[in-house]
Amino acid sequence: TTQYLEEADRLANDICVIDHGKVIARGTSDELKARTGGERVEVVVHRPDEIERARSVLTALGKGEVTVVRLSRKLTAPVSGGAKLLAEIIRELDGSGVEIDDIALRRPTLDDVFLSLTGHAAEADEHDKEETP
């Protein structure tokens, strides 16, 4: 199913999201992705004691709630502004003394859109399922 969603993302001008036979959303790929909250910045800090300082930076520059997974030291925040904002986040983290192990700007996929709209992953069609002996 994921390969079909990726192909639709590349080729379709207008996309209809259908769940259990009912149209639940329609629009361009970008319009549907914007409904799921747009871009996200994901940051993995080097040490656990840096989490709160990083949260502070992401709260100030992001546009919504910052999610923290303490075990992996990963913070995720919804943002808008693309690579320019990413550069600003890196500067602010550095200025706050936060060392980062990883940072990424992520746009939602159509899989994310489907999950956000329906509350469950897209189902594989019969041809995608592996046959069991």
Protein backbone atom coordinates (compact mmCIF):
# COMPACT_ATOMS: atom_id res chain seq x y z
CA THR A 1 0.00 0.00 0.00
CA THR A 2 2.82 2.40 0.80
CA GLN A 3 4.18 2.14 -2.75
CA TYR A 4 0.77 3.17 -4.14
CA LEU A 5 0.60 6.16 -1.80
CA GLU A 6 4.13 7.22 -2.78
CA GLU A 7 3.18 6.92 -6.46
CA ALA A 8 0.01 8.96 -5.89
CA ASP A 9 2.09 11.59 -4.11
CA ARG A 10 4.38 11.92 -7.14
CA LEU A 11 1.81 11.69 -9.93
CA ALA A 12 -1.66 12.77 -8.82
CA ASN A 13 -3.00 16.31 -9.12
CA ASP A 14 -6.01 15.60 -6.92
CA ILE A 15 -6.24 12.88 -4.29
CA CYS A 16 -9.34 11.41 -2.68
CA VAL A 17 -8.89 9.65 0.66
CA ILE A 18 -11.44 6.85 0.98
CA ASP A 19 -11.92 4.90 4.18
CA HIS A 20 -14.32 1.95 4.24
CA GLY A 21 -15.97 3.12 1.01
CA LYS A 22 -16.54 6.73 2.15
CA VAL A 23 -14.65 9.80 0.85
CA ILE A 24 -13.24 11.50 3.93
CA ALA A 25 -10.89 14.07 2.32
CA ARG A 26 -9.94 15.45 -1.06
CA GLY A 27 -7.26 17.81 -2.34
CA THR A 28 -3.74 18.09 -3.66
CA SER A 29 -0.96 16.22 -1.92
CA ASP A 30 0.25 19.46 -0.30
CA GLU A 31 -3.27 20.42 0.87
CA LEU A 32 -3.78 17.01 2.48
CA LYS A 33 -0.35 17.11 4.11
CA ALA A 34 -1.05 20.58 5.51
CA ARG A 35 -4.11 19.13 7.27
CA THR A 36 -1.84 16.81 9.28
CA GLY A 37 0.20 19.68 10.69
CA GLY A 38 2.75 20.25 7.95
CA GLU A 39 6.44 19.96 8.63
CA ARG A 40 8.08 18.63 11.78
CA VAL A 41 11.55 19.05 13.20
CA GLU A 42 12.99 16.02 14.95
CA VAL A 43 15.98 16.57 17.24
CA VAL A 44 18.01 14.00 19.18
CA VAL A 45 20.03 15.71 21.91
CA HIS A 46 23.37 14.33 23.08
CA ARG A 47 22.58 14.16 26.82
CA PRO A 48 19.33 13.81 28.79
CA ASP A 49 20.05 17.01 30.76
CA GLU A 50 19.76 18.97 27.47
CA ILE A 51 16.15 17.96 26.82
CA GLU A 52 14.52 20.89 28.64
CA ARG A 53 16.73 23.51 26.98
CA ALA A 54 15.99 21.95 23.58
CA ARG A 55 12.27 21.89 24.40
CA SER A 56 12.45 25.59 25.19
CA VAL A 57 14.04 26.37 21.80
CA LEU A 58 11.54 24.23 19.89
CA THR A 59 8.61 25.74 21.80
CA ALA A 60 9.77 29.25 20.90
CA LEU A 61 10.38 28.51 17.21
CA GLY A 62 7.80 25.81 16.56
CA LYS A 63 4.06 26.15 16.10
CA GLY A 64 2.63 23.61 18.48
CA GLU A 65 3.25 21.11 21.23
CA VAL A 66 6.72 19.59 21.50
CA THR A 67 6.72 15.81 21.94
CA VAL A 68 9.56 14.28 23.97
CA VAL A 69 10.71 10.67 24.10
CA ARG A 70 13.15 10.73 27.02
CA LEU A 71 14.58 7.25 26.52
CA SER A 72 15.86 8.12 23.03
CA ARG A 73 16.39 11.85 23.88
CA LYS A 74 14.24 12.72 20.84
CA LEU A 75 12.09 15.85 20.58
CA THR A 76 9.59 16.50 17.79
CA ALA A 77 7.84 19.80 17.06
CA PRO A 78 5.49 20.99 14.33
CA VAL A 79 7.04 23.88 12.39
CA SER A 80 6.67 25.98 9.28
CA GLY A 81 9.52 27.67 7.49
CA GLY A 82 11.46 24.81 5.95
CA ALA A 83 15.25 24.79 5.73
CA LYS A 84 15.54 28.45 6.78
CA LEU A 85 13.84 27.66 10.11
CA LEU A 86 15.93 24.50 10.50
CA ALA A 87 19.10 26.62 10.29
CA GLU A 88 17.67 29.00 12.91
CA ILE A 89 16.82 26.09 15.23
CA ILE A 90 20.39 24.77 14.91
CA ARG A 91 21.80 28.22 15.76
CA GLU A 92 19.49 28.58 18.79
CA LEU A 93 20.29 25.09 20.07
CA ASP A 94 24.00 25.81 19.74
CA GLY A 95 23.57 29.18 21.48
CA SER A 96 21.76 27.42 24.32
CA GLY A 97 24.61 24.95 24.75
CA VAL A 98 22.60 21.99 23.43
CA GLU A 99 24.65 19.36 21.58
CA ILE A 100 22.66 17.43 18.98
CA ASP A 101 23.28 13.90 17.75
CA ASP A 102 20.71 14.17 14.96
CA ILE A 103 18.31 16.71 13.48
CA ALA A 104 15.86 16.42 10.59
CA LEU A 105 13.10 18.36 8.88
CA ARG A 106 10.32 15.99 7.94
CA ARG A 107 7.27 16.54 5.78
CA PRO A 108 4.34 14.21 6.31
CA THR A 109 3.81 11.36 3.86
CA LEU A 110 0.44 10.31 2.48
CA ASP A 111 0.68 7.40 4.96
CA ASP A 112 0.81 10.01 7.74
CA VAL A 113 -2.18 11.81 6.18
CA PHE A 114 -4.23 8.61 6.02
CA LEU A 115 -3.35 7.70 9.61
CA SER A 116 -4.20 11.21 10.80
CA LEU A 117 -7.56 11.25 9.00
CA THR A 118 -8.70 7.72 9.85
CA GLY A 119 -6.86 6.76 13.02
CA HIS A 120 -5.45 3.61 11.37
CA ALA A 121 -2.87 2.69 8.73
CA ALA A 122 -3.90 2.19 5.12
CA GLU A 123 -4.86 -1.42 4.52
CA ALA A 124 -2.94 -3.51 2.02
CA ASP A 125 -4.93 -4.79 -0.88
CA GLU A 126 -5.13 -8.52 -1.54
CA HIS A 127 -2.22 -8.41 -4.05
CA ASP A 128 0.10 -6.85 -1.44
CA LYS A 129 -0.44 -9.54 1.20
CA GLU A 130 2.06 -12.36 1.46
CA GLU A 131 0.66 -15.79 0.89
CA THR A 132 1.11 -18.22 3.73
CA PRO A 133 1.47 -21.93 3.02
